[in-house]
Amino acid sequence: MTEVADKLGIHLADFQNGKEIYFEEGKQNKKFIIAKGVLDADGIISLPKLKTHGYAKMTGCIKNQFGCIPGKLKGEFHVKLPDVNDFARMLVDLNKLVKPKLYIMDGIIAMDGNGPRG
């Protein structure tokens, strides 16, 4: 992506580094580390794929914002929130914080099974 972005003069968003954000309105999670690319954006458009998920059964628009958590920090949530309902509440809090302007899900070709590597 870097080569094409450089050729077209497009700045790539930073999803490796983040900033700790306190979210008072969170029902369960009051603190998140959010990728700088999200915080620097004028708005978020969420473009998830329809797919199954071993933990959440099905992923979609709400779970797609989990990508706003930088890098390996995502794995920490699976350890801290092993209960699927707690994990789901965290995703709702995250969506309320990030507030995507638009969700468009690609359901033409869905993924079923054990993740993208499967």
Protein backbone atom coordinates (compact mmCIF):
# COMPACT_ATOMS: atom_id res chain seq x y z
CA MET A 1 0.00 0.00 0.00
CA THR A 2 2.85 2.36 0.77
CA GLU A 3 4.15 2.29 -2.81
CA VAL A 4 0.74 3.08 -4.31
CA ALA A 5 -0.03 5.72 -1.66
CA ASP A 6 3.31 7.46 -2.29
CA LYS A 7 2.70 7.40 -6.05
CA LEU A 8 -0.74 8.97 -5.60
CA GLY A 9 0.33 11.40 -2.87
CA ILE A 10 -1.99 9.80 -0.30
CA HIS A 11 -1.13 9.86 3.40
CA LEU A 12 -1.60 6.47 5.09
CA ALA A 13 -3.36 6.52 8.45
CA ASP A 14 -1.40 5.32 11.50
CA PHE A 15 -3.04 2.23 12.99
CA GLN A 16 0.10 1.02 14.80
CA ASN A 17 0.32 3.77 17.42
CA GLY A 18 -2.45 4.96 19.66
CA LYS A 19 -3.52 7.29 22.40
CA GLU A 20 -5.34 6.48 25.64
CA ILE A 21 -8.83 7.95 25.64
CA TYR A 22 -11.05 8.14 28.71
CA PHE A 23 -14.70 7.58 27.74
CA GLU A 24 -16.98 8.61 30.58
CA GLU A 25 -20.15 7.53 28.72
CA GLY A 26 -18.93 3.93 28.50
CA LYS A 27 -21.26 1.52 30.30
CA GLN A 28 -18.55 -1.09 30.85
CA ASN A 29 -15.30 0.23 29.37
CA LYS A 30 -14.29 3.75 30.33
CA LYS A 31 -10.82 3.67 28.76
CA PHE A 32 -9.54 2.68 25.33
CA ILE A 33 -6.32 3.08 23.41
CA ILE A 34 -7.42 4.26 19.97
CA ALA A 35 -5.26 4.25 16.84
CA LYS A 36 -3.91 7.66 15.87
CA GLY A 37 -5.36 7.22 12.37
CA VAL A 38 -8.84 7.10 13.88
CA LEU A 39 -8.27 10.10 16.13
CA ASP A 40 -6.83 12.14 13.25
CA ALA A 41 -9.74 11.35 10.89
CA ASP A 42 -12.64 13.68 10.14
CA GLY A 43 -14.93 10.66 10.27
CA ILE A 44 -15.00 6.88 10.08
CA ILE A 45 -16.73 4.80 7.41
CA SER A 46 -16.86 1.15 8.49
CA LEU A 47 -16.57 -1.44 5.70
CA PRO A 48 -16.86 -4.91 7.30
CA LYS A 49 -17.18 -8.30 5.62
CA LEU A 50 -19.95 -10.67 6.68
CA LYS A 51 -18.25 -13.58 8.46
CA THR A 52 -18.53 -16.07 11.26
CA HIS A 53 -16.42 -15.72 14.40
CA GLY A 54 -15.61 -18.33 17.04
CA TYR A 55 -16.06 -15.86 19.87
CA ALA A 56 -18.85 -13.57 18.69
CA LYS A 57 -20.60 -16.14 16.44
CA MET A 58 -20.92 -13.57 13.65
CA THR A 59 -18.99 -10.39 13.05
CA GLY A 60 -20.27 -7.34 11.32
CA CYS A 61 -20.51 -3.62 11.59
CA ILE A 62 -20.13 -3.43 15.37
CA LYS A 63 -17.12 -5.75 15.66
CA ASN A 64 -15.36 -4.07 12.72
CA GLN A 65 -14.47 -1.10 14.94
CA PHE A 66 -12.24 -3.44 16.95
CA GLY A 67 -9.71 -2.56 14.24
CA CYS A 68 -9.53 0.93 15.82
CA ILE A 69 -7.52 -0.65 18.64
CA PRO A 70 -3.87 -0.58 17.53
CA GLY A 71 -1.84 -3.70 16.82
CA LYS A 72 -1.41 -6.33 19.49
CA LEU A 73 -3.56 -4.52 22.07
CA LYS A 74 -6.59 -6.27 20.59
CA GLY A 75 -5.42 -9.57 22.06
CA GLU A 76 -5.51 -8.11 25.56
CA PHE A 77 -9.27 -7.61 25.32
CA HIS A 78 -9.79 -11.31 24.61
CA VAL A 79 -7.84 -12.11 27.79
CA LYS A 80 -9.52 -9.44 29.96
CA LEU A 81 -13.01 -10.16 28.62
CA PRO A 82 -13.31 -13.94 28.13
CA ASP A 83 -17.11 -13.81 28.49
CA VAL A 84 -18.78 -13.16 25.12
CA ASN A 85 -21.34 -10.80 26.69
CA ASP A 86 -18.62 -8.67 28.33
CA PHE A 87 -16.77 -8.59 25.02
CA ALA A 88 -19.95 -7.51 23.23
CA ARG A 89 -20.55 -4.71 25.76
CA MET A 90 -16.98 -3.50 25.17
CA LEU A 91 -17.68 -3.37 21.42
CA VAL A 92 -20.82 -1.29 22.02
CA ASP A 93 -18.82 1.15 24.18
CA LEU A 94 -16.11 1.31 21.51
CA ASN A 95 -18.68 2.10 18.80
CA LYS A 96 -20.23 4.82 20.92
CA LEU A 97 -16.77 6.35 21.32
CA VAL A 98 -15.62 6.07 17.68
CA LYS A 99 -19.05 6.91 16.20
CA PRO A 100 -18.70 5.77 12.59
CA LYS A 101 -20.59 8.02 10.19
CA LEU A 102 -21.58 5.15 7.89
CA TYR A 103 -21.57 1.34 7.93
CA ILE A 104 -21.57 -0.67 4.67
CA MET A 105 -21.27 -4.45 5.00
CA ASP A 106 -20.11 -6.62 2.11
CA GLY A 107 -22.25 -9.73 2.26
CA ILE A 108 -21.84 -10.83 -1.36
CA ILE A 109 -19.10 -13.31 -0.44
CA ALA A 110 -19.12 -14.23 3.25
CA MET A 111 -16.42 -16.01 5.23
CA ASP A 112 -17.20 -19.08 7.30
CA GLY A 113 -14.71 -20.95 9.44
CA ASN A 114 -11.69 -20.29 11.60
CA GLY A 115 -10.64 -16.78 10.64
CA PRO A 116 -8.93 -15.39 7.57
CA ARG A 117 -6.03 -17.82 7.91
CA GLY A 118 -8.42 -20.78 7.90
